[in-house]
Amino acid sequence: MLNSFKKKILAGFLLVTLLCVVSLTTVSLLEARKIATNQMKKDGIAISNMVRKSLGKNKITDTKEMSTILKEIK
């Protein structure tokens, strides 16, 4: 199948190209997943800080009252 020099060069070029595409795709997907995870973590922290400040501002200390307020938000 690869008996000519031209075919060997072409096969090598295609193999290198395929390896580059696969490796770049893998790196891109992993980086996108990492970015999304970090963004969700930061958003969760921001939301919890807003809830904590709101509860402190309204002087709500009863845990049952907090539970009912948070259930209403859902």
N, C-alpha and C. Protein backbone atom coordinates (compact mmCIF):
# COMPACT_ATOMS: atom_id res chain seq x y z
N MET A 1 0.82 -1.19 0.00
CA MET A 1 0.00 0.00 0.00
C MET A 1 0.87 1.26 0.00
N LEU A 2 1.85 1.31 0.89
CA LEU A 2 2.73 2.48 0.95
C LEU A 2 4.06 2.17 0.26
N ASN A 3 3.97 1.69 -0.96
CA ASN A 3 5.19 1.28 -1.65
C ASN A 3 5.91 2.43 -2.34
N SER A 4 5.25 3.55 -2.55
CA SER A 4 5.95 4.66 -3.19
C SER A 4 6.30 5.72 -2.14
N PHE A 5 7.33 6.47 -2.43
CA PHE A 5 7.81 7.51 -1.52
C PHE A 5 6.76 8.61 -1.36
N LYS A 6 6.07 8.93 -2.42
CA LYS A 6 5.04 9.97 -2.40
C LYS A 6 3.91 9.58 -1.44
N LYS A 7 3.50 8.33 -1.47
CA LYS A 7 2.44 7.87 -0.58
C LYS A 7 2.89 7.87 0.87
N LYS A 8 4.14 7.55 1.12
CA LYS A 8 4.66 7.56 2.49
C LYS A 8 4.68 8.98 3.06
N ILE A 9 5.10 9.93 2.25
CA ILE A 9 5.11 11.33 2.69
C ILE A 9 3.69 11.81 2.96
N LEU A 10 2.78 11.48 2.06
CA LEU A 10 1.39 11.89 2.23
C LEU A 10 0.78 11.25 3.49
N ALA A 11 1.05 9.98 3.72
CA ALA A 11 0.53 9.30 4.91
C ALA A 11 1.12 9.92 6.19
N GLY A 12 2.39 10.25 6.17
CA GLY A 12 3.02 10.89 7.33
C GLY A 12 2.41 12.25 7.61
N PHE A 13 2.20 13.02 6.56
CA PHE A 13 1.59 14.35 6.70
C PHE A 13 0.17 14.23 7.27
N LEU A 14 -0.60 13.29 6.76
CA LEU A 14 -1.96 13.10 7.26
C LEU A 14 -1.96 12.64 8.71
N LEU A 15 -1.03 11.79 9.07
CA LEU A 15 -0.94 11.31 10.45
C LEU A 15 -0.59 12.45 11.41
N VAL A 16 0.37 13.28 11.03
CA VAL A 16 0.76 14.42 11.87
C VAL A 16 -0.40 15.39 12.00
N THR A 17 -1.10 15.64 10.89
CA THR A 17 -2.25 16.55 10.92
C THR A 17 -3.35 16.01 11.83
N LEU A 18 -3.63 14.73 11.72
CA LEU A 18 -4.66 14.12 12.55
C LEU A 18 -4.28 14.19 14.03
N LEU A 19 -3.03 13.92 14.36
CA LEU A 19 -2.58 14.01 15.75
C LEU A 19 -2.70 15.43 16.29
N CYS A 20 -2.37 16.41 15.47
CA CYS A 20 -2.49 17.81 15.90
C CYS A 20 -3.95 18.19 16.16
N VAL A 21 -4.83 17.78 15.26
CA VAL A 21 -6.25 18.11 15.42
C VAL A 21 -6.81 17.46 16.68
N VAL A 22 -6.49 16.20 16.90
CA VAL A 22 -6.99 15.50 18.09
C VAL A 22 -6.44 16.13 19.37
N SER A 23 -5.16 16.44 19.39
CA SER A 23 -4.58 17.02 20.60
C SER A 23 -5.11 18.42 20.88
N LEU A 24 -5.27 19.24 19.85
CA LEU A 24 -5.82 20.58 20.06
C LEU A 24 -7.28 20.53 20.50
N THR A 25 -8.03 19.60 19.95
CA THR A 25 -9.43 19.45 20.36
C THR A 25 -9.51 19.03 21.83
N THR A 26 -8.68 18.11 22.23
CA THR A 26 -8.67 17.64 23.62
C THR A 26 -8.30 18.77 24.57
N VAL A 27 -7.27 19.51 24.24
CA VAL A 27 -6.84 20.62 25.10
C VAL A 27 -7.93 21.68 25.18
N SER A 28 -8.57 21.99 24.05
CA SER A 28 -9.63 22.99 24.04
C SER A 28 -10.82 22.57 24.90
N LEU A 29 -11.22 21.32 24.80
CA LEU A 29 -12.35 20.84 25.60
C LEU A 29 -12.03 20.85 27.09
N LEU A 30 -10.84 20.44 27.45
CA LEU A 30 -10.46 20.45 28.86
C LEU A 30 -10.40 21.87 29.41
N GLU A 31 -9.88 22.79 28.63
CA GLU A 31 -9.79 24.19 29.06
C GLU A 31 -11.18 24.80 29.20
N ALA A 32 -12.07 24.51 28.26
CA ALA A 32 -13.44 25.03 28.33
C ALA A 32 -14.16 24.48 29.56
N ARG A 33 -13.95 23.21 29.88
CA ARG A 33 -14.57 22.62 31.06
C ARG A 33 -14.04 23.29 32.33
N LYS A 34 -12.74 23.55 32.37
CA LYS A 34 -12.13 24.19 33.54
C LYS A 34 -12.67 25.61 33.72
N ILE A 35 -12.79 26.33 32.63
CA ILE A 35 -13.31 27.70 32.69
C ILE A 35 -14.75 27.71 33.17
N ALA A 36 -15.57 26.79 32.64
CA ALA A 36 -16.98 26.73 33.04
C ALA A 36 -17.12 26.36 34.52
N THR A 37 -16.31 25.43 34.98
CA THR A 37 -16.36 25.03 36.39
C THR A 37 -15.97 26.18 37.30
N ASN A 38 -14.91 26.89 36.95
CA ASN A 38 -14.49 28.03 37.77
C ASN A 38 -15.55 29.13 37.78
N GLN A 39 -16.19 29.37 36.64
CA GLN A 39 -17.23 30.40 36.57
C GLN A 39 -18.42 30.02 37.44
N MET A 40 -18.83 28.75 37.39
CA MET A 40 -19.96 28.31 38.23
C MET A 40 -19.61 28.42 39.71
N LYS A 41 -18.36 28.11 40.06
CA LYS A 41 -17.93 28.23 41.46
C LYS A 41 -17.99 29.68 41.92
N LYS A 42 -17.49 30.59 41.09
CA LYS A 42 -17.51 32.01 41.45
C LYS A 42 -18.94 32.54 41.55
N ASP A 43 -19.82 32.10 40.63
CA ASP A 43 -21.21 32.53 40.68
C ASP A 43 -21.90 32.03 41.95
N GLY A 44 -21.62 30.78 42.33
CA GLY A 44 -22.21 30.23 43.55
C GLY A 44 -21.76 30.99 44.79
N ILE A 45 -20.49 31.34 44.82
CA ILE A 45 -19.96 32.11 45.96
C ILE A 45 -20.61 33.49 46.00
N ALA A 46 -20.77 34.11 44.85
CA ALA A 46 -21.38 35.44 44.80
C ALA A 46 -22.84 35.39 45.25
N ILE A 47 -23.57 34.37 44.82
CA ILE A 47 -24.97 34.25 45.23
C ILE A 47 -25.07 34.01 46.73
N SER A 48 -24.23 33.15 47.26
CA SER A 48 -24.29 32.88 48.71
C SER A 48 -23.92 34.13 49.51
N ASN A 49 -22.98 34.91 49.01
CA ASN A 49 -22.63 36.16 49.71
C ASN A 49 -23.79 37.15 49.67
N MET A 50 -24.49 37.23 48.54
CA MET A 50 -25.65 38.13 48.46
C MET A 50 -26.75 37.70 49.41
N VAL A 51 -26.99 36.39 49.50
CA VAL A 51 -28.02 35.89 50.42
C VAL A 51 -27.62 36.17 51.86
N ARG A 52 -26.35 35.93 52.19
CA ARG A 52 -25.87 36.17 53.56
C ARG A 52 -26.02 37.64 53.93
N LYS A 53 -25.64 38.54 53.02
CA LYS A 53 -25.76 39.97 53.30
C LYS A 53 -27.22 40.39 53.44
N SER A 54 -28.07 39.81 52.59
CA SER A 54 -29.49 40.14 52.65
C SER A 54 -30.11 39.67 53.96
N LEU A 55 -29.75 38.47 54.40
CA LEU A 55 -30.27 37.97 55.67
C LEU A 55 -29.76 38.81 56.84
N GLY A 56 -28.50 39.21 56.79
CA GLY A 56 -27.95 40.05 57.85
C GLY A 56 -28.56 41.44 57.86
N LYS A 57 -28.81 41.98 56.67
CA LYS A 57 -29.38 43.32 56.55
C LYS A 57 -30.81 43.35 57.10
N ASN A 58 -31.56 42.28 56.86
CA ASN A 58 -32.94 42.22 57.33
C ASN A 58 -33.05 41.63 58.73
N LYS A 59 -31.91 41.34 59.35
CA LYS A 59 -31.83 40.82 60.72
C LYS A 59 -32.68 39.56 60.89
N ILE A 60 -32.52 38.63 59.95
CA ILE A 60 -33.22 37.35 60.03
C ILE A 60 -32.26 36.34 60.65
N THR A 61 -32.63 35.81 61.82
CA THR A 61 -31.76 34.85 62.50
C THR A 61 -32.44 33.50 62.70
N ASP A 62 -33.75 33.44 62.58
CA ASP A 62 -34.49 32.19 62.77
C ASP A 62 -34.27 31.28 61.56
N THR A 63 -33.79 30.07 61.83
CA THR A 63 -33.48 29.16 60.72
C THR A 63 -34.73 28.71 59.98
N LYS A 64 -35.85 28.57 60.67
CA LYS A 64 -37.09 28.19 59.99
C LYS A 64 -37.54 29.29 59.04
N GLU A 65 -37.40 30.52 59.47
CA GLU A 65 -37.77 31.65 58.62
C GLU A 65 -36.85 31.71 57.40
N MET A 66 -35.56 31.45 57.62
CA MET A 66 -34.62 31.41 56.50
C MET A 66 -35.00 30.33 55.50
N SER A 67 -35.37 29.16 56.00
CA SER A 67 -35.76 28.06 55.13
C SER A 67 -36.97 28.41 54.29
N THR A 68 -37.97 29.03 54.90
CA THR A 68 -39.17 29.38 54.13
C THR A 68 -38.85 30.45 53.09
N ILE A 69 -38.01 31.40 53.42
CA ILE A 69 -37.64 32.44 52.45
C ILE A 69 -36.88 31.83 51.28
N LEU A 70 -35.93 30.95 51.58
CA LEU A 70 -35.14 30.33 50.52
C LEU A 70 -35.99 29.38 49.67
N LYS A 71 -36.97 28.70 50.26
CA LYS A 71 -37.85 27.84 49.48
C LYS A 71 -38.72 28.66 48.54
N GLU A 72 -39.12 29.85 48.97
CA GLU A 72 -39.93 30.71 48.11
C GLU A 72 -39.13 31.19 46.90
N ILE A 73 -37.82 31.34 47.07
CA ILE A 73 -36.96 31.80 45.97
C ILE A 73 -36.92 30.78 44.86
N LYS A 74 -36.91 29.49 45.21
CA LYS A 74 -36.87 28.44 44.20
C LYS A 74 -38.00 28.62 43.25
